[in-house]
Amino acid sequence: MTTYELRETFEWRGRSVAWDRFGSGPDLVFVHGTPWSSALWRPIAEALAARFTVYLWDMPGYGASSKDAAHAVDLGSQGELFAELLGEWGLDRPHVVAHDFGGAVALRARLLHDARYRSLCLVDVVALSPWGSPFFTLVRQHADVFTQLPAAVHRGAVEAYIRGASRRGLRDDDLEMLVAPWTSPSGQSAFYRQIAQADQRYTDDVEPLYARIDEPTHIIWGADDTWIPVARAHRLQSSIPGSTLSVVKDSGHLIQLDAPADLTAILTRWLGEQVR
């Protein structure tokens, strides 16, 4: 399994946020979703680092960032943190690429916390109601029970859940990269805690405001995403004035692993148009 180190930390309200910066050129920030980390974006970020200064970070409760049970990890907290993190980095209108829950984080930072972007790319994002799988509902109702599962049973549940996000199937090393952060005792409780705190109200807050987004916005979606069906992409496009859409064939929710070359090509083309 390839491992990636995030070399910097940012302290925010008792949380330790792991992050990294590399490359040169205009500022480009990647935002991951759940139950992932910035490692999912790392190969694509490295491919784009020849033209951009790339920023990666793990949300609190995920990856290499702190997983203190006392700290909220809901989308409201993550959106507020993201806006402050951009200020900590001294970024004025960076390009932002967000996936899954990261879409809600970026949208909340933009619409509720005064963050502004040079451009915004939304990849299979959580942005429109309804969302939340039956598994999410079950965990929210019984989070304490799930936290106490034997380690092997927990790992099996996480692996099965994550496999369902891929259209093509996951290589063993990719599956391990996605599962490993959740297999320690603190990781197991963090996995169920972030699901228990997932609440549709955090997108309901901002969904009526999408028409205010005036940055160039591109939406990318896996045609075979079973977690968030592609019909949601078309609804989102109609909600954001002037936004454009790319649908990637033979790809599910984990488009970074199902179609990495296609995704990198679309991002390279899109971002290149924004910096001309």
C-alpha atoms as a PDB file:
ATOM      1  CA  MET A   1       0.000   0.000   0.000  1.00  0.00           C
ATOM      2  CA  THR A   2       1.300   3.444  -0.947  1.00  0.00           C
ATOM      3  CA  THR A   3       1.194   5.852   1.983  1.00  0.00           C
ATOM      4  CA  TYR A   4       1.215   9.617   1.808  1.00  0.00           C
ATOM      5  CA  GLU A   5       2.370  11.947   4.538  1.00  0.00           C
ATOM      6  CA  LEU A   6       0.736  15.273   5.237  1.00  0.00           C
ATOM      7  CA  ARG A   7       3.649  17.314   6.558  1.00  0.00           C
ATOM      8  CA  GLU A   8       1.912  20.302   8.179  1.00  0.00           C
ATOM      9  CA  THR A   9      -0.721  20.836  10.876  1.00  0.00           C
ATOM     10  CA  PHE A  10      -3.198  23.586  11.667  1.00  0.00           C
ATOM     11  CA  GLU A  11      -4.746  23.864  15.120  1.00  0.00           C
ATOM     12  CA  TRP A  12      -8.395  24.902  15.171  1.00  0.00           C
ATOM     13  CA  ARG A  13     -10.589  24.848  18.280  1.00  0.00           C
ATOM     14  CA  GLY A  14      -8.682  21.941  19.756  1.00  0.00           C
ATOM     15  CA  ARG A  15      -8.576  20.019  16.510  1.00  0.00           C
ATOM     16  CA  SER A  16      -5.377  19.160  14.679  1.00  0.00           C
ATOM     17  CA  VAL A  17      -5.778  19.427  10.916  1.00  0.00           C
ATOM     18  CA  ALA A  18      -3.160  17.626   8.814  1.00  0.00           C
ATOM     19  CA  TRP A  19      -2.347  19.279   5.490  1.00  0.00           C
ATOM     20  CA  ASP A  20       0.257  19.565   2.781  1.00  0.00           C
ATOM     21  CA  ARG A  21       1.239  21.871  -0.069  1.00  0.00           C
ATOM     22  CA  PHE A  22       3.354  21.157  -3.157  1.00  0.00           C
ATOM     23  CA  GLY A  23       3.794  22.173  -6.786  1.00  0.00           C
ATOM     24  CA  SER A  24       3.885  25.651  -8.293  1.00  0.00           C
ATOM     25  CA  GLY A  25       1.418  27.916 -10.030  1.00  0.00           C
ATOM     26  CA  PRO A  26      -2.106  29.118  -9.205  1.00  0.00           C
ATOM     27  CA  ASP A  27      -3.564  27.831  -5.937  1.00  0.00           C
ATOM     28  CA  LEU A  28      -5.646  24.645  -6.166  1.00  0.00           C
ATOM     29  CA  VAL A  29      -7.342  23.088  -3.125  1.00  0.00           C
ATOM     30  CA  PHE A  30      -8.778  19.563  -3.014  1.00  0.00           C
ATOM     31  CA  VAL A  31     -11.525  18.645  -0.555  1.00  0.00           C
ATOM     32  CA  HIS A  32     -12.262  14.989   0.219  1.00  0.00           C
ATOM     33  CA  GLY A  33     -15.496  13.398   1.355  1.00  0.00           C
ATOM     34  CA  THR A  34     -16.561  10.486   3.533  1.00  0.00           C
ATOM     35  CA  PRO A  35     -15.353   7.929   4.429  1.00  0.00           C
ATOM     36  CA  TRP A  36     -12.230   8.978   2.572  1.00  0.00           C
ATOM     37  CA  SER A  37      -9.230  11.232   3.178  1.00  0.00           C
ATOM     38  CA  SER A  38      -6.964  13.409   1.062  1.00  0.00           C
ATOM     39  CA  ALA A  39      -5.092  10.224   0.042  1.00  0.00           C
ATOM     40  CA  LEU A  40      -7.886   9.596  -2.459  1.00  0.00           C
ATOM     41  CA  TRP A  41      -6.962  12.829  -4.259  1.00  0.00           C
ATOM     42  CA  ARG A  42      -3.182  12.488  -3.935  1.00  0.00           C
ATOM     43  CA  PRO A  43      -2.281  10.893  -7.323  1.00  0.00           C
ATOM     44  CA  ILE A  44      -4.412  13.380  -9.238  1.00  0.00           C
ATOM     45  CA  ALA A  45      -3.082  16.274  -7.157  1.00  0.00           C
ATOM     46  CA  GLU A  46       0.463  15.196  -7.976  1.00  0.00           C
ATOM     47  CA  ALA A  47      -0.379  15.074 -11.672  1.00  0.00           C
ATOM     48  CA  LEU A  48      -1.650  18.665 -11.514  1.00  0.00           C
ATOM     49  CA  ALA A  49       1.206  19.967  -9.347  1.00  0.00           C
ATOM     50  CA  ALA A  50       3.282  20.762 -12.437  1.00  0.00           C
ATOM     51  CA  ARG A  51       0.860  23.617 -13.179  1.00  0.00           C
ATOM     52  CA  PHE A  52      -0.649  24.440  -9.766  1.00  0.00           C
ATOM     53  CA  THR A  53       0.299  24.928  -6.133  1.00  0.00           C
ATOM     54  CA  VAL A  54      -1.761  22.104  -4.691  1.00  0.00           C
ATOM     55  CA  TYR A  55      -3.222  21.950  -1.176  1.00  0.00           C
ATOM     56  CA  LEU A  56      -4.423  18.720   0.417  1.00  0.00           C
ATOM     57  CA  TRP A  57      -5.948  18.363   3.892  1.00  0.00           C
ATOM     58  CA  ASP A  58      -7.778  15.834   6.027  1.00  0.00           C
ATOM     59  CA  MET A  59     -10.928  16.976   7.739  1.00  0.00           C
ATOM     60  CA  PRO A  60     -10.959  16.473  11.524  1.00  0.00           C
ATOM     61  CA  GLY A  61     -12.231  12.988  12.198  1.00  0.00           C
ATOM     62  CA  TYR A  62     -10.629  11.659   8.997  1.00  0.00           C
ATOM     63  CA  GLY A  63      -7.264  10.433   7.774  1.00  0.00           C
ATOM     64  CA  ALA A  64      -4.298  11.860   9.661  1.00  0.00           C
ATOM     65  CA  SER A  65      -6.239  14.629  11.420  1.00  0.00           C
ATOM     66  CA  SER A  66      -7.361  14.378  15.051  1.00  0.00           C
ATOM     67  CA  LYS A  67     -10.252  12.108  15.959  1.00  0.00           C
ATOM     68  CA  ASP A  68     -11.143  13.329  19.447  1.00  0.00           C
ATOM     69  CA  ALA A  69     -14.595  12.055  20.362  1.00  0.00           C
ATOM     70  CA  ALA A  70     -15.426  15.394  21.989  1.00  0.00           C
ATOM     71  CA  HIS A  71     -15.109  17.314  18.730  1.00  0.00           C
ATOM     72  CA  ALA A  72     -18.013  17.694  16.338  1.00  0.00           C
ATOM     73  CA  VAL A  73     -17.308  16.488  12.811  1.00  0.00           C
ATOM     74  CA  ASP A  74     -20.583  17.530  11.195  1.00  0.00           C
ATOM     75  CA  LEU A  75     -20.753  19.411   7.906  1.00  0.00           C
ATOM     76  CA  GLY A  76     -21.448  22.672   9.698  1.00  0.00           C
ATOM     77  CA  SER A  77     -18.167  22.502  11.607  1.00  0.00           C
ATOM     78  CA  GLN A  78     -16.221  21.347   8.549  1.00  0.00           C
ATOM     79  CA  GLY A  79     -17.534  24.197   6.385  1.00  0.00           C
ATOM     80  CA  GLU A  80     -16.593  26.799   8.964  1.00  0.00           C
ATOM     81  CA  LEU A  81     -13.162  25.240   9.385  1.00  0.00           C
ATOM     82  CA  PHE A  82     -12.529  25.189   5.639  1.00  0.00           C
ATOM     83  CA  ALA A  83     -13.188  28.921   5.349  1.00  0.00           C
ATOM     84  CA  GLU A  84     -10.762  29.598   8.201  1.00  0.00           C
ATOM     85  CA  LEU A  85      -8.184  27.206   6.761  1.00  0.00           C
ATOM     86  CA  LEU A  86      -8.173  29.133   3.486  1.00  0.00           C
ATOM     87  CA  GLY A  87      -7.477  32.270   5.519  1.00  0.00           C
ATOM     88  CA  GLU A  88      -4.680  30.518   7.406  1.00  0.00           C
ATOM     89  CA  TRP A  89      -3.107  29.610   4.084  1.00  0.00           C
ATOM     90  CA  GLY A  90      -3.515  33.191   2.855  1.00  0.00           C
ATOM     91  CA  LEU A  91      -5.471  32.097  -0.205  1.00  0.00           C
ATOM     92  CA  ASP A  92      -7.625  34.612  -2.024  1.00  0.00           C
ATOM     93  CA  ARG A  93      -9.946  32.893  -4.487  1.00  0.00           C
ATOM     94  CA  PRO A  94      -8.198  29.546  -5.030  1.00  0.00           C
ATOM     95  CA  HIS A  95      -9.459  26.960  -7.465  1.00  0.00           C
ATOM     96  CA  VAL A  96     -11.371  24.325  -5.472  1.00  0.00           C
ATOM     97  CA  VAL A  97     -12.125  20.711  -6.404  1.00  0.00           C
ATOM     98  CA  ALA A  98     -14.452  18.884  -3.997  1.00  0.00           C
ATOM     99  CA  HIS A  99     -15.807  15.341  -3.812  1.00  0.00           C
ATOM    100  CA  ASP A 100     -18.735  13.777  -1.935  1.00  0.00           C
ATOM    101  CA  PHE A 101     -19.271  15.482   1.476  1.00  0.00           C
ATOM    102  CA  GLY A 102     -16.446  17.824   0.495  1.00  0.00           C
ATOM    103  CA  GLY A 103     -18.900  19.419  -1.916  1.00  0.00           C
ATOM    104  CA  ALA A 104     -21.195  20.383   0.951  1.00  0.00           C
ATOM    105  CA  VAL A 105     -18.175  21.634   2.902  1.00  0.00           C
ATOM    106  CA  ALA A 106     -17.010  23.851   0.031  1.00  0.00           C
ATOM    107  CA  LEU A 107     -20.525  25.090  -0.678  1.00  0.00           C
ATOM    108  CA  ARG A 108     -21.193  25.971   2.967  1.00  0.00           C
ATOM    109  CA  ALA A 109     -17.842  27.781   3.233  1.00  0.00           C
ATOM    110  CA  ARG A 110     -18.706  29.760   0.110  1.00  0.00           C
ATOM    111  CA  LEU A 111     -22.315  30.613   0.929  1.00  0.00           C
ATOM    112  CA  LEU A 112     -22.279  30.932   4.729  1.00  0.00           C
ATOM    113  CA  HIS A 113     -18.690  31.805   5.688  1.00  0.00           C
ATOM    114  CA  ASP A 114     -17.565  34.299   3.025  1.00  0.00           C
ATOM    115  CA  ALA A 115     -15.064  32.052   1.213  1.00  0.00           C
ATOM    116  CA  ARG A 116     -14.628  32.893  -2.478  1.00  0.00           C
ATOM    117  CA  TYR A 117     -13.151  30.761  -5.221  1.00  0.00           C
ATOM    118  CA  ARG A 118     -11.497  31.371  -8.583  1.00  0.00           C
ATOM    119  CA  SER A 119     -13.391  28.324  -9.850  1.00  0.00           C
ATOM    120  CA  LEU A 120     -15.299  25.440  -8.325  1.00  0.00           C
ATOM    121  CA  CYS A 121     -15.402  21.828  -9.493  1.00  0.00           C
ATOM    122  CA  LEU A 122     -17.913  19.505  -7.835  1.00  0.00           C
ATOM    123  CA  VAL A 123     -17.316  15.760  -8.218  1.00  0.00           C
ATOM    124  CA  ASP A 124     -20.146  13.368  -7.252  1.00  0.00           C
ATOM    125  CA  VAL A 125     -21.008  15.697  -4.386  1.00  0.00           C
ATOM    126  CA  VAL A 126     -23.477  15.673  -1.529  1.00  0.00           C
ATOM    127  CA  ALA A 127     -25.409  18.861  -2.255  1.00  0.00           C
ATOM    128  CA  LEU A 128     -29.091  18.124  -2.802  1.00  0.00           C
ATOM    129  CA  SER A 129     -31.716  16.381  -0.697  1.00  0.00           C
ATOM    130  CA  PRO A 130     -32.551  13.650  -0.157  1.00  0.00           C
ATOM    131  CA  TRP A 131     -29.333  11.907   0.802  1.00  0.00           C
ATOM    132  CA  GLY A 132     -28.245   9.318   3.335  1.00  0.00           C
ATOM    133  CA  SER A 133     -28.304   5.579   2.695  1.00  0.00           C
ATOM    134  CA  PRO A 134     -30.183   2.996   4.792  1.00  0.00           C
ATOM    135  CA  PHE A 135     -26.782   2.170   6.314  1.00  0.00           C
ATOM    136  CA  PHE A 136     -26.433   5.811   7.441  1.00  0.00           C
ATOM    137  CA  THR A 137     -29.877   5.674   9.016  1.00  0.00           C
ATOM    138  CA  LEU A 138     -29.096   2.438  10.832  1.00  0.00           C
ATOM    139  CA  VAL A 139     -25.792   3.771  12.184  1.00  0.00           C
ATOM    140  CA  ARG A 140     -27.380   7.023  13.358  1.00  0.00           C
ATOM    141  CA  GLN A 141     -29.913   4.992  15.324  1.00  0.00           C
ATOM    142  CA  HIS A 142     -27.349   2.608  16.849  1.00  0.00           C
ATOM    143  CA  ALA A 143     -23.946   4.343  16.702  1.00  0.00           C
ATOM    144  CA  ASP A 144     -22.962   3.159  20.189  1.00  0.00           C
ATOM    145  CA  VAL A 145     -23.596  -0.460  19.213  1.00  0.00           C
ATOM    146  CA  PHE A 146     -21.577  -0.209  15.998  1.00  0.00           C
ATOM    147  CA  THR A 147     -18.666   1.336  17.871  1.00  0.00           C
ATOM    148  CA  GLN A 148     -18.472  -1.837  19.985  1.00  0.00           C
ATOM    149  CA  LEU A 149     -18.313  -4.293  17.071  1.00  0.00           C
ATOM    150  CA  PRO A 150     -15.378  -6.734  17.164  1.00  0.00           C
ATOM    151  CA  ALA A 151     -12.515  -5.350  15.091  1.00  0.00           C
ATOM    152  CA  ALA A 152     -12.761  -8.007  12.392  1.00  0.00           C
ATOM    153  CA  VAL A 153     -16.517  -7.534  12.001  1.00  0.00           C
ATOM    154  CA  HIS A 154     -16.066  -3.764  11.848  1.00  0.00           C
ATOM    155  CA  ARG A 155     -13.386  -4.091   9.178  1.00  0.00           C
ATOM    156  CA  GLY A 156     -15.614  -6.367   7.114  1.00  0.00           C
ATOM    157  CA  ALA A 157     -18.474  -3.877   7.336  1.00  0.00           C
ATOM    158  CA  VAL A 158     -16.267  -0.961   6.289  1.00  0.00           C
ATOM    159  CA  GLU A 159     -14.769  -2.926   3.402  1.00  0.00           C
ATOM    160  CA  ALA A 160     -18.192  -3.960   2.116  1.00  0.00           C
ATOM    161  CA  TYR A 161     -19.488  -0.416   2.417  1.00  0.00           C
ATOM    162  CA  ILE A 162     -16.527   1.091   0.555  1.00  0.00           C
ATOM    163  CA  ARG A 163     -16.561  -1.546  -2.184  1.00  0.00           C
ATOM    164  CA  GLY A 164     -20.085  -0.446  -3.036  1.00  0.00           C
ATOM    165  CA  ALA A 165     -18.797   2.971  -4.101  1.00  0.00           C
ATOM    166  CA  SER A 166     -16.791   1.583  -7.022  1.00  0.00           C
ATOM    167  CA  ARG A 167     -18.163   0.610 -10.413  1.00  0.00           C
ATOM    168  CA  ARG A 168     -15.090  -1.319 -11.608  1.00  0.00           C
ATOM    169  CA  GLY A 169     -14.012  -2.898  -8.334  1.00  0.00           C
ATOM    170  CA  LEU A 170     -11.119  -1.885  -6.100  1.00  0.00           C
ATOM    171  CA  ARG A 171      -7.569  -3.167  -6.151  1.00  0.00           C
ATOM    172  CA  ASP A 172      -6.372  -4.566  -2.837  1.00  0.00           C
ATOM    173  CA  ASP A 173      -3.960  -1.676  -2.246  1.00  0.00           C
ATOM    174  CA  ASP A 174      -6.602   0.954  -2.980  1.00  0.00           C
ATOM    175  CA  LEU A 175      -9.077  -0.754  -0.664  1.00  0.00           C
ATOM    176  CA  GLU A 176      -6.468  -0.869   2.085  1.00  0.00           C
ATOM    177  CA  MET A 177      -5.681   2.836   1.609  1.00  0.00           C
ATOM    178  CA  LEU A 178      -9.354   3.684   2.116  1.00  0.00           C
ATOM    179  CA  VAL A 179     -10.052   1.277   4.970  1.00  0.00           C
ATOM    180  CA  ALA A 180      -6.854   1.555   7.043  1.00  0.00           C
ATOM    181  CA  PRO A 181      -7.612   4.903   8.782  1.00  0.00           C
ATOM    182  CA  TRP A 182     -10.766   3.368  10.267  1.00  0.00           C
ATOM    183  CA  THR A 183      -9.279   0.162  11.699  1.00  0.00           C
ATOM    184  CA  SER A 184      -7.655   1.432  14.908  1.00  0.00           C
ATOM    185  CA  PRO A 185      -9.836   1.759  18.037  1.00  0.00           C
ATOM    186  CA  SER A 186     -10.003   5.539  17.578  1.00  0.00           C
ATOM    187  CA  GLY A 187     -10.624   5.083  13.861  1.00  0.00           C
ATOM    188  CA  GLN A 188     -13.508   2.684  14.481  1.00  0.00           C
ATOM    189  CA  SER A 189     -15.330   5.088  16.770  1.00  0.00           C
ATOM    190  CA  ALA A 190     -14.566   7.988  14.400  1.00  0.00           C
ATOM    191  CA  PHE A 191     -16.040   6.071  11.468  1.00  0.00           C
ATOM    192  CA  TYR A 192     -19.417   5.681  13.134  1.00  0.00           C
ATOM    193  CA  ARG A 193     -19.306   9.118  14.749  1.00  0.00           C
ATOM    194  CA  GLN A 194     -19.008  10.941  11.417  1.00  0.00           C
ATOM    195  CA  ILE A 195     -21.958   8.963  10.055  1.00  0.00           C
ATOM    196  CA  ALA A 196     -24.019   9.605  13.188  1.00  0.00           C
ATOM    197  CA  GLN A 197     -23.430  13.355  12.781  1.00  0.00           C
ATOM    198  CA  ALA A 198     -24.326  13.413   9.095  1.00  0.00           C
ATOM    199  CA  ASP A 199     -27.523  15.420   8.784  1.00  0.00           C
ATOM    200  CA  GLN A 200     -29.379  16.564   5.688  1.00  0.00           C
ATOM    201  CA  ARG A 201     -30.133  19.913   7.307  1.00  0.00           C
ATOM    202  CA  TYR A 202     -26.589  21.039   6.497  1.00  0.00           C
ATOM    203  CA  THR A 203     -27.335  20.904   2.788  1.00  0.00           C
ATOM    204  CA  ASP A 204     -30.900  22.100   3.262  1.00  0.00           C
ATOM    205  CA  ASP A 205     -29.351  25.287   4.737  1.00  0.00           C
ATOM    206  CA  VAL A 206     -27.549  26.150   1.514  1.00  0.00           C
ATOM    207  CA  GLU A 207     -29.536  24.469  -1.268  1.00  0.00           C
ATOM    208  CA  PRO A 208     -31.801  27.530  -1.734  1.00  0.00           C
ATOM    209  CA  LEU A 209     -28.658  29.706  -2.102  1.00  0.00           C
ATOM    210  CA  TYR A 210     -26.981  27.916  -5.019  1.00  0.00           C
ATOM    211  CA  ALA A 211     -28.195  30.538  -7.477  1.00  0.00           C
ATOM    212  CA  ARG A 212     -25.844  33.007  -5.729  1.00  0.00           C
ATOM    213  CA  ILE A 213     -22.735  31.132  -6.889  1.00  0.00           C
ATOM    214  CA  ASP A 214     -21.105  33.258  -9.562  1.00  0.00           C
ATOM    215  CA  GLU A 215     -17.741  31.489  -9.837  1.00  0.00           C
ATOM    216  CA  PRO A 216     -17.154  29.322 -12.923  1.00  0.00           C
ATOM    217  CA  THR A 217     -18.487  25.938 -11.814  1.00  0.00           C
ATOM    218  CA  HIS A 218     -18.067  22.530 -13.402  1.00  0.00           C
ATOM    219  CA  ILE A 219     -19.786  19.346 -12.238  1.00  0.00           C
ATOM    220  CA  ILE A 220     -18.293  15.894 -12.809  1.00  0.00           C
ATOM    221  CA  TRP A 221     -20.257  12.707 -12.147  1.00  0.00           C
ATOM    222  CA  GLY A 222     -19.850   8.972 -12.531  1.00  0.00           C
ATOM    223  CA  ALA A 223     -22.564   7.674 -14.836  1.00  0.00           C
ATOM    224  CA  ASP A 224     -22.961   4.586 -12.642  1.00  0.00           C
ATOM    225  CA  ASP A 225     -22.778   6.228  -9.216  1.00  0.00           C
ATOM    226  CA  THR A 226     -25.083   4.145  -7.013  1.00  0.00           C
ATOM    227  CA  TRP A 227     -24.477   6.287  -3.926  1.00  0.00           C
ATOM    228  CA  ILE A 228     -25.645   9.533  -5.543  1.00  0.00           C
ATOM    229  CA  PRO A 229     -27.381   8.845  -8.875  1.00  0.00           C
ATOM    230  CA  VAL A 230     -26.389  10.893 -11.906  1.00  0.00           C
ATOM    231  CA  ALA A 231     -29.857  12.482 -12.047  1.00  0.00           C
ATOM    232  CA  ARG A 232     -28.692  14.519  -9.053  1.00  0.00           C
ATOM    233  CA  ALA A 233     -25.906  15.990 -11.212  1.00  0.00           C
ATOM    234  CA  HIS A 234     -28.428  17.382 -13.671  1.00  0.00           C
ATOM    235  CA  ARG A 235     -30.480  18.871 -10.830  1.00  0.00           C
ATOM    236  CA  LEU A 236     -27.370  20.487  -9.413  1.00  0.00           C
ATOM    237  CA  GLN A 237     -26.402  21.916 -12.784  1.00  0.00           C
ATOM    238  CA  SER A 238     -29.819  23.539 -13.094  1.00  0.00           C
ATOM    239  CA  SER A 239     -29.397  25.035  -9.606  1.00  0.00           C
ATOM    240  CA  ILE A 240     -26.052  26.786 -10.256  1.00  0.00           C
ATOM    241  CA  PRO A 241     -26.242  29.438 -12.986  1.00  0.00           C
ATOM    242  CA  GLY A 242     -23.865  28.875 -15.887  1.00  0.00           C
ATOM    243  CA  SER A 243     -22.474  25.599 -14.522  1.00  0.00           C
ATOM    244  CA  THR A 244     -21.355  22.848 -16.887  1.00  0.00           C
ATOM    245  CA  LEU A 245     -21.423  19.072 -16.557  1.00  0.00           C
ATOM    246  CA  SER A 246     -19.259  16.090 -17.534  1.00  0.00           C
ATOM    247  CA  VAL A 247     -20.629  12.569 -17.048  1.00  0.00           C
ATOM    248  CA  VAL A 248     -17.968   9.844 -17.012  1.00  0.00           C
ATOM    249  CA  LYS A 249     -18.952   6.433 -18.384  1.00  0.00           C
ATOM    250  CA  ASP A 250     -18.248   3.191 -16.533  1.00  0.00           C
ATOM    251  CA  SER A 251     -17.575   5.049 -13.292  1.00  0.00           C
ATOM    252  CA  GLY A 252     -19.233   5.000  -9.899  1.00  0.00           C
ATOM    253  CA  HIS A 253     -18.939   7.235  -6.868  1.00  0.00           C
ATOM    254  CA  LEU A 254     -15.210   6.561  -6.506  1.00  0.00           C
ATOM    255  CA  ILE A 255     -14.451   8.163  -9.834  1.00  0.00           C
ATOM    256  CA  GLN A 256     -10.846   8.834  -8.736  1.00  0.00           C
ATOM    257  CA  LEU A 257     -10.238   5.066  -8.809  1.00  0.00           C
ATOM    258  CA  ASP A 258     -12.756   3.961 -11.435  1.00  0.00           C
ATOM    259  CA  ALA A 259     -11.653   6.430 -14.102  1.00  0.00           C
ATOM    260  CA  PRO A 260      -8.484   8.257 -12.960  1.00  0.00           C
ATOM    261  CA  ALA A 261      -7.265   9.086 -16.461  1.00  0.00           C
ATOM    262  CA  ASP A 262     -10.643  10.464 -17.535  1.00  0.00           C
ATOM    263  CA  LEU A 263     -11.007  12.494 -14.348  1.00  0.00           C
ATOM    264  CA  THR A 264      -7.485  13.910 -14.602  1.00  0.00           C
ATOM    265  CA  ALA A 265      -8.068  14.863 -18.239  1.00  0.00           C
ATOM    266  CA  ILE A 266     -11.329  16.646 -17.440  1.00  0.00           C
ATOM    267  CA  LEU A 267      -9.765  18.514 -14.513  1.00  0.00           C
ATOM    268  CA  THR A 268      -6.697  19.459 -16.555  1.00  0.00           C
ATOM    269  CA  ARG A 269      -8.857  20.826 -19.347  1.00  0.00           C
ATOM    270  CA  TRP A 270     -11.287  22.618 -17.038  1.00  0.00           C
ATOM    271  CA  LEU A 271      -8.647  24.200 -14.819  1.00  0.00           C
ATOM    272  CA  GLY A 272      -6.548  25.127 -17.838  1.00  0.00           C
ATOM    273  CA  GLU A 273      -9.475  27.110 -19.214  1.00  0.00           C
ATOM    274  CA  GLN A 274      -9.813  28.973 -15.920  1.00  0.00           C
ATOM    275  CA  VAL A 275      -6.196  30.207 -15.832  1.00  0.00           C
ATOM    276  CA  ARG A 276      -5.894  31.442 -19.403  1.00  0.00           C
END
